[in-house]
N, C-alpha and C. Protein backbone atom coordinates (compact mmCIF):
# COMPACT_ATOMS: atom_id res chain seq x y z
N MET A 1 7.05 1.02 21.48
CA MET A 1 6.48 0.80 20.15
C MET A 1 6.80 -0.64 19.74
N ASN A 2 5.86 -1.27 19.07
CA ASN A 2 6.02 -2.66 18.65
C ASN A 2 7.16 -2.81 17.65
N ASP A 3 7.90 -3.92 17.80
CA ASP A 3 8.89 -4.26 16.78
C ASP A 3 8.15 -4.84 15.59
N ILE A 4 8.72 -4.66 14.42
CA ILE A 4 8.12 -5.23 13.22
C ILE A 4 9.16 -6.07 12.51
N ASP A 5 8.70 -7.06 11.78
CA ASP A 5 9.56 -7.90 10.96
C ASP A 5 9.54 -7.31 9.56
N CYS A 6 10.60 -6.58 9.22
CA CYS A 6 10.63 -5.89 7.92
C CYS A 6 10.47 -6.85 6.76
N GLY A 7 11.06 -8.04 6.85
CA GLY A 7 10.93 -9.01 5.76
C GLY A 7 9.49 -9.40 5.52
N SER A 8 8.74 -9.64 6.60
CA SER A 8 7.32 -9.99 6.46
C SER A 8 6.51 -8.83 5.91
N ILE A 9 6.84 -7.63 6.35
CA ILE A 9 6.13 -6.44 5.87
C ILE A 9 6.38 -6.25 4.38
N VAL A 10 7.64 -6.36 3.95
CA VAL A 10 7.97 -6.20 2.53
C VAL A 10 7.28 -7.29 1.71
N ASN A 11 7.27 -8.52 2.22
CA ASN A 11 6.59 -9.61 1.50
C ASN A 11 5.10 -9.34 1.36
N ALA A 12 4.47 -8.86 2.43
CA ALA A 12 3.03 -8.56 2.37
C ALA A 12 2.76 -7.44 1.37
N ALA A 13 3.57 -6.39 1.41
CA ALA A 13 3.38 -5.27 0.47
C ALA A 13 3.62 -5.73 -0.96
N THR A 14 4.61 -6.60 -1.16
CA THR A 14 4.89 -7.12 -2.50
C THR A 14 3.71 -7.93 -3.02
N ARG A 15 3.13 -8.76 -2.18
CA ARG A 15 1.95 -9.54 -2.61
C ARG A 15 0.81 -8.62 -3.03
N LEU A 16 0.62 -7.53 -2.30
CA LEU A 16 -0.46 -6.60 -2.64
C LEU A 16 -0.23 -5.94 -3.99
N VAL A 17 0.98 -5.46 -4.25
CA VAL A 17 1.22 -4.82 -5.55
C VAL A 17 1.21 -5.84 -6.68
N GLU A 18 1.59 -7.08 -6.39
CA GLU A 18 1.49 -8.12 -7.41
C GLU A 18 0.03 -8.43 -7.74
N MET A 19 -0.84 -8.34 -6.75
CA MET A 19 -2.27 -8.50 -7.02
C MET A 19 -2.77 -7.37 -7.91
N ILE A 20 -2.31 -6.16 -7.65
CA ILE A 20 -2.69 -5.02 -8.51
C ILE A 20 -2.15 -5.24 -9.91
N ASP A 21 -0.89 -5.73 -10.02
CA ASP A 21 -0.31 -6.05 -11.34
C ASP A 21 -1.23 -6.98 -12.11
N GLY A 22 -1.81 -7.94 -11.41
CA GLY A 22 -2.66 -8.94 -12.05
C GLY A 22 -4.09 -8.48 -12.30
N GLY A 23 -4.37 -7.20 -12.05
CA GLY A 23 -5.71 -6.68 -12.30
C GLY A 23 -6.70 -6.97 -11.19
N ASN A 24 -6.19 -7.25 -9.99
CA ASN A 24 -7.05 -7.62 -8.86
C ASN A 24 -7.16 -6.52 -7.81
N ALA A 25 -7.27 -5.28 -8.25
CA ALA A 25 -7.35 -4.16 -7.32
C ALA A 25 -8.56 -4.28 -6.40
N THR A 26 -9.66 -4.80 -6.90
CA THR A 26 -10.85 -4.95 -6.06
C THR A 26 -10.59 -5.92 -4.92
N GLN A 27 -9.90 -7.01 -5.19
CA GLN A 27 -9.56 -7.97 -4.13
C GLN A 27 -8.61 -7.35 -3.12
N VAL A 28 -7.69 -6.52 -3.59
CA VAL A 28 -6.79 -5.82 -2.68
C VAL A 28 -7.61 -4.94 -1.75
N TRP A 29 -8.56 -4.20 -2.31
CA TRP A 29 -9.41 -3.32 -1.51
C TRP A 29 -10.22 -4.13 -0.50
N GLN A 30 -10.75 -5.28 -0.91
CA GLN A 30 -11.55 -6.11 -0.01
C GLN A 30 -10.75 -6.59 1.19
N ARG A 31 -9.45 -6.76 1.02
CA ARG A 31 -8.58 -7.22 2.10
C ARG A 31 -8.00 -6.07 2.92
N ALA A 32 -8.30 -4.85 2.52
CA ALA A 32 -7.73 -3.67 3.17
C ALA A 32 -8.33 -3.47 4.56
N SER A 33 -7.65 -2.65 5.32
CA SER A 33 -8.14 -2.26 6.64
C SER A 33 -9.48 -1.53 6.49
N SER A 34 -10.35 -1.69 7.46
CA SER A 34 -11.62 -0.96 7.42
C SER A 34 -11.35 0.54 7.42
N VAL A 35 -10.23 0.96 7.99
CA VAL A 35 -9.84 2.37 7.99
C VAL A 35 -9.69 2.86 6.55
N GLY A 36 -9.02 2.09 5.71
CA GLY A 36 -8.84 2.46 4.31
C GLY A 36 -10.11 2.37 3.51
N ARG A 37 -10.93 1.36 3.79
CA ARG A 37 -12.18 1.18 3.04
C ARG A 37 -13.19 2.28 3.36
N GLN A 38 -13.05 2.93 4.52
CA GLN A 38 -13.94 4.04 4.85
C GLN A 38 -13.60 5.29 4.04
N VAL A 39 -12.36 5.40 3.61
CA VAL A 39 -11.92 6.57 2.85
C VAL A 39 -12.31 6.44 1.38
N LEU A 40 -12.09 5.26 0.79
CA LEU A 40 -12.40 5.02 -0.63
C LEU A 40 -13.19 3.74 -0.77
N ASP A 41 -14.27 3.79 -1.56
CA ASP A 41 -14.95 2.54 -1.87
C ASP A 41 -14.16 1.80 -2.94
N ALA A 42 -14.56 0.57 -3.26
CA ALA A 42 -13.79 -0.27 -4.19
C ALA A 42 -13.62 0.40 -5.55
N GLY A 43 -14.68 1.00 -6.06
CA GLY A 43 -14.60 1.66 -7.36
C GLY A 43 -13.65 2.84 -7.35
N ALA A 44 -13.70 3.64 -6.30
CA ALA A 44 -12.82 4.80 -6.20
C ALA A 44 -11.36 4.36 -6.04
N PHE A 45 -11.13 3.26 -5.32
CA PHE A 45 -9.77 2.74 -5.16
C PHE A 45 -9.22 2.32 -6.52
N HIS A 46 -10.03 1.59 -7.28
CA HIS A 46 -9.61 1.13 -8.60
C HIS A 46 -9.35 2.32 -9.52
N GLU A 47 -10.24 3.30 -9.51
CA GLU A 47 -10.07 4.50 -10.34
C GLU A 47 -8.82 5.28 -9.94
N ALA A 48 -8.53 5.35 -8.64
CA ALA A 48 -7.33 6.07 -8.19
C ALA A 48 -6.07 5.41 -8.74
N ILE A 49 -6.07 4.09 -8.82
CA ILE A 49 -4.92 3.38 -9.38
C ILE A 49 -4.80 3.69 -10.87
N ILE A 50 -5.91 3.64 -11.59
CA ILE A 50 -5.90 3.94 -13.02
C ILE A 50 -5.50 5.40 -13.25
N ASP A 51 -6.06 6.32 -12.47
CA ASP A 51 -5.76 7.74 -12.62
C ASP A 51 -4.30 8.07 -12.32
N SER A 52 -3.63 7.22 -11.55
CA SER A 52 -2.22 7.46 -11.24
C SER A 52 -1.33 7.24 -12.46
N GLY A 53 -1.92 6.66 -13.52
CA GLY A 53 -1.14 6.38 -14.72
C GLY A 53 -0.39 5.07 -14.65
N ARG A 54 -0.68 4.28 -13.63
CA ARG A 54 0.01 3.01 -13.43
C ARG A 54 -0.40 2.02 -14.51
N PRO A 55 0.56 1.44 -15.22
CA PRO A 55 0.22 0.38 -16.16
C PRO A 55 -0.37 -0.81 -15.41
N MET A 56 -1.38 -1.43 -15.95
CA MET A 56 -2.01 -2.58 -15.29
C MET A 56 -1.38 -3.88 -15.79
N ILE A 57 -0.06 -3.90 -15.76
CA ILE A 57 0.70 -5.07 -16.19
C ILE A 57 1.80 -5.33 -15.16
N ALA A 58 2.35 -6.52 -15.22
CA ALA A 58 3.47 -6.82 -14.33
C ALA A 58 4.68 -5.98 -14.73
N PRO A 59 5.42 -5.50 -13.76
CA PRO A 59 6.60 -4.70 -14.08
C PRO A 59 7.76 -5.58 -14.54
N VAL A 60 8.72 -4.92 -15.16
CA VAL A 60 9.96 -5.59 -15.54
C VAL A 60 10.79 -5.85 -14.28
N SER A 61 10.78 -4.90 -13.35
CA SER A 61 11.48 -5.08 -12.08
C SER A 61 10.81 -4.26 -10.99
N ARG A 62 10.98 -4.73 -9.77
CA ARG A 62 10.46 -4.00 -8.60
C ARG A 62 11.40 -4.32 -7.44
N GLN A 63 11.95 -3.28 -6.84
CA GLN A 63 12.85 -3.44 -5.70
C GLN A 63 12.36 -2.53 -4.58
N TRP A 64 12.26 -3.08 -3.38
CA TRP A 64 11.89 -2.21 -2.27
C TRP A 64 13.10 -1.34 -1.94
N SER A 65 12.83 -0.11 -1.57
CA SER A 65 13.90 0.84 -1.30
C SER A 65 13.90 1.34 0.13
N GLU A 66 12.74 1.27 0.79
CA GLU A 66 12.66 1.84 2.13
C GLU A 66 11.44 1.30 2.85
N VAL A 67 11.59 1.10 4.16
CA VAL A 67 10.46 0.75 5.03
C VAL A 67 10.48 1.76 6.16
N VAL A 68 9.35 2.43 6.36
CA VAL A 68 9.25 3.46 7.40
C VAL A 68 8.11 3.10 8.33
N ARG A 69 8.42 3.04 9.62
CA ARG A 69 7.40 2.78 10.64
C ARG A 69 7.09 4.09 11.34
N TYR A 70 5.80 4.33 11.58
CA TYR A 70 5.44 5.55 12.31
C TYR A 70 4.16 5.32 13.10
N HIS A 71 4.03 6.08 14.17
CA HIS A 71 2.87 5.98 15.05
C HIS A 71 2.05 7.26 14.91
N VAL A 72 0.76 7.09 14.77
CA VAL A 72 -0.17 8.22 14.71
C VAL A 72 -0.93 8.25 16.03
N GLY A 73 -0.87 9.38 16.69
CA GLY A 73 -1.57 9.54 17.95
C GLY A 73 -2.98 10.09 17.76
N ALA A 74 -3.72 10.11 18.85
CA ALA A 74 -5.07 10.66 18.82
C ALA A 74 -5.00 12.14 18.44
N GLY A 75 -5.98 12.60 17.69
CA GLY A 75 -6.02 14.00 17.31
C GLY A 75 -5.05 14.37 16.21
N ASP A 76 -4.69 13.40 15.36
CA ASP A 76 -3.78 13.66 14.25
C ASP A 76 -4.33 14.79 13.38
N ALA A 77 -3.47 15.73 13.02
CA ALA A 77 -3.88 16.90 12.25
C ALA A 77 -4.46 16.53 10.89
N GLN A 78 -4.02 15.41 10.32
CA GLN A 78 -4.53 14.99 9.01
C GLN A 78 -5.75 14.09 9.12
N GLY A 79 -6.20 13.82 10.34
CA GLY A 79 -7.40 13.02 10.52
C GLY A 79 -7.18 11.52 10.44
N ASN A 80 -5.92 11.08 10.44
CA ASN A 80 -5.66 9.65 10.40
C ASN A 80 -6.00 9.01 11.74
N PRO A 81 -6.59 7.83 11.73
CA PRO A 81 -6.90 7.14 12.98
C PRO A 81 -5.61 6.78 13.73
N PRO A 82 -5.65 6.82 15.04
CA PRO A 82 -4.48 6.45 15.82
C PRO A 82 -4.05 5.02 15.50
N GLY A 83 -2.76 4.77 15.61
CA GLY A 83 -2.27 3.41 15.42
C GLY A 83 -0.86 3.38 14.89
N LEU A 84 -0.38 2.17 14.68
CA LEU A 84 0.95 1.93 14.14
C LEU A 84 0.83 1.68 12.65
N TYR A 85 1.63 2.39 11.88
CA TYR A 85 1.61 2.30 10.42
C TYR A 85 3.01 1.96 9.92
N VAL A 86 3.07 1.41 8.73
CA VAL A 86 4.35 1.18 8.07
C VAL A 86 4.15 1.44 6.59
N ALA A 87 5.12 2.13 5.99
CA ALA A 87 5.07 2.40 4.56
C ALA A 87 6.25 1.70 3.90
N VAL A 88 5.96 1.00 2.81
CA VAL A 88 7.00 0.33 2.04
C VAL A 88 7.09 1.04 0.69
N MET A 89 8.29 1.51 0.35
CA MET A 89 8.51 2.17 -0.92
C MET A 89 9.24 1.22 -1.86
N PHE A 90 8.75 1.19 -3.11
CA PHE A 90 9.35 0.37 -4.15
C PHE A 90 9.80 1.26 -5.30
N SER A 91 10.91 0.91 -5.93
CA SER A 91 11.31 1.50 -7.20
C SER A 91 10.93 0.46 -8.25
N THR A 92 10.03 0.84 -9.15
CA THR A 92 9.43 -0.12 -10.08
C THR A 92 9.64 0.35 -11.51
N THR A 93 10.02 -0.58 -12.36
CA THR A 93 10.22 -0.29 -13.78
C THR A 93 9.25 -1.14 -14.59
N PHE A 94 8.49 -0.47 -15.45
CA PHE A 94 7.55 -1.14 -16.34
C PHE A 94 8.15 -1.22 -17.74
N ALA A 95 7.50 -1.95 -18.62
CA ALA A 95 7.96 -2.06 -20.01
C ALA A 95 8.15 -0.66 -20.58
N GLY A 96 9.11 -0.52 -21.46
CA GLY A 96 9.43 0.79 -22.01
C GLY A 96 10.32 1.59 -21.08
N GLN A 97 10.83 0.94 -20.04
CA GLN A 97 11.75 1.55 -19.07
C GLN A 97 11.13 2.69 -18.29
N ARG A 98 9.81 2.73 -18.18
CA ARG A 98 9.17 3.74 -17.34
C ARG A 98 9.35 3.34 -15.88
N THR A 99 10.05 4.18 -15.14
CA THR A 99 10.31 3.90 -13.73
C THR A 99 9.46 4.81 -12.87
N CYS A 100 8.94 4.25 -11.79
CA CYS A 100 8.13 5.03 -10.86
C CYS A 100 8.41 4.56 -9.44
N ASP A 101 7.92 5.33 -8.50
CA ASP A 101 7.98 4.95 -7.09
C ASP A 101 6.58 4.55 -6.66
N GLU A 102 6.48 3.40 -6.01
CA GLU A 102 5.21 2.95 -5.45
C GLU A 102 5.34 2.99 -3.93
N ARG A 103 4.26 3.39 -3.27
CA ARG A 103 4.23 3.42 -1.81
C ARG A 103 3.01 2.63 -1.34
N VAL A 104 3.26 1.62 -0.53
CA VAL A 104 2.20 0.80 0.05
C VAL A 104 2.20 1.09 1.55
N THR A 105 1.07 1.55 2.07
CA THR A 105 0.97 1.86 3.49
C THR A 105 0.05 0.84 4.16
N LEU A 106 0.56 0.25 5.24
CA LEU A 106 -0.18 -0.75 6.01
C LEU A 106 -0.40 -0.22 7.42
N ARG A 107 -1.49 -0.66 8.04
CA ARG A 107 -1.80 -0.28 9.42
C ARG A 107 -1.96 -1.55 10.23
N LEU A 108 -1.45 -1.54 11.45
CA LEU A 108 -1.64 -2.66 12.36
C LEU A 108 -3.03 -2.53 12.96
N ASP A 109 -3.95 -3.36 12.47
CA ASP A 109 -5.34 -3.28 12.93
C ASP A 109 -5.48 -3.85 14.34
N GLU A 110 -6.65 -3.65 14.91
CA GLU A 110 -6.91 -4.03 16.29
C GLU A 110 -6.73 -5.53 16.53
N ASP A 111 -6.83 -6.35 15.49
CA ASP A 111 -6.64 -7.80 15.63
C ASP A 111 -5.19 -8.22 15.39
N ASP A 112 -4.27 -7.24 15.41
CA ASP A 112 -2.83 -7.46 15.21
C ASP A 112 -2.48 -7.96 13.81
N ALA A 113 -3.29 -7.67 12.83
CA ALA A 113 -3.00 -8.00 11.43
C ALA A 113 -2.66 -6.70 10.70
N TRP A 114 -1.61 -6.75 9.86
CA TRP A 114 -1.24 -5.61 9.03
C TRP A 114 -2.12 -5.61 7.80
N ARG A 115 -2.80 -4.49 7.55
CA ARG A 115 -3.69 -4.39 6.40
C ARG A 115 -3.44 -3.07 5.66
N LEU A 116 -3.71 -3.11 4.37
CA LEU A 116 -3.53 -1.96 3.50
C LEU A 116 -4.43 -0.80 3.92
N VAL A 117 -3.84 0.39 3.95
CA VAL A 117 -4.62 1.62 4.12
C VAL A 117 -4.33 2.62 3.00
N GLY A 118 -3.29 2.36 2.21
CA GLY A 118 -2.99 3.29 1.14
C GLY A 118 -2.05 2.74 0.09
N TYR A 119 -2.25 3.20 -1.14
CA TYR A 119 -1.36 2.87 -2.25
C TYR A 119 -1.21 4.13 -3.08
N ALA A 120 0.02 4.45 -3.44
CA ALA A 120 0.26 5.61 -4.30
C ALA A 120 1.42 5.30 -5.23
N MET A 121 1.37 5.92 -6.40
CA MET A 121 2.44 5.79 -7.37
C MET A 121 2.82 7.18 -7.86
N ARG A 122 4.13 7.42 -7.96
CA ARG A 122 4.61 8.69 -8.52
C ARG A 122 5.71 8.41 -9.51
């Protein structure tokens, strides 16, 4: 399995959530992996972020808490395309001390570039 540079992965994931903070969810979607764009169109991606209850403002603080690398093989039970994935989890606090967990999932695309395939907030 390929080695990954966790620092670069965390930096890439941080840039993506900072773009979302700035109201640029559509640009984030445009830069996403084709795998992710096949699941949700730009409008649905933006609505999913809004529906998650995520404030569309910069947070007071954001700290990464975990980086998980995993490989999906052919015939995945959940229908995910085969490949190498990495998930970065952040603990994020917004104004009013509302704290949430954000998860940014990236996939190593065929051109060896890490691209977004998922974003979730809980």
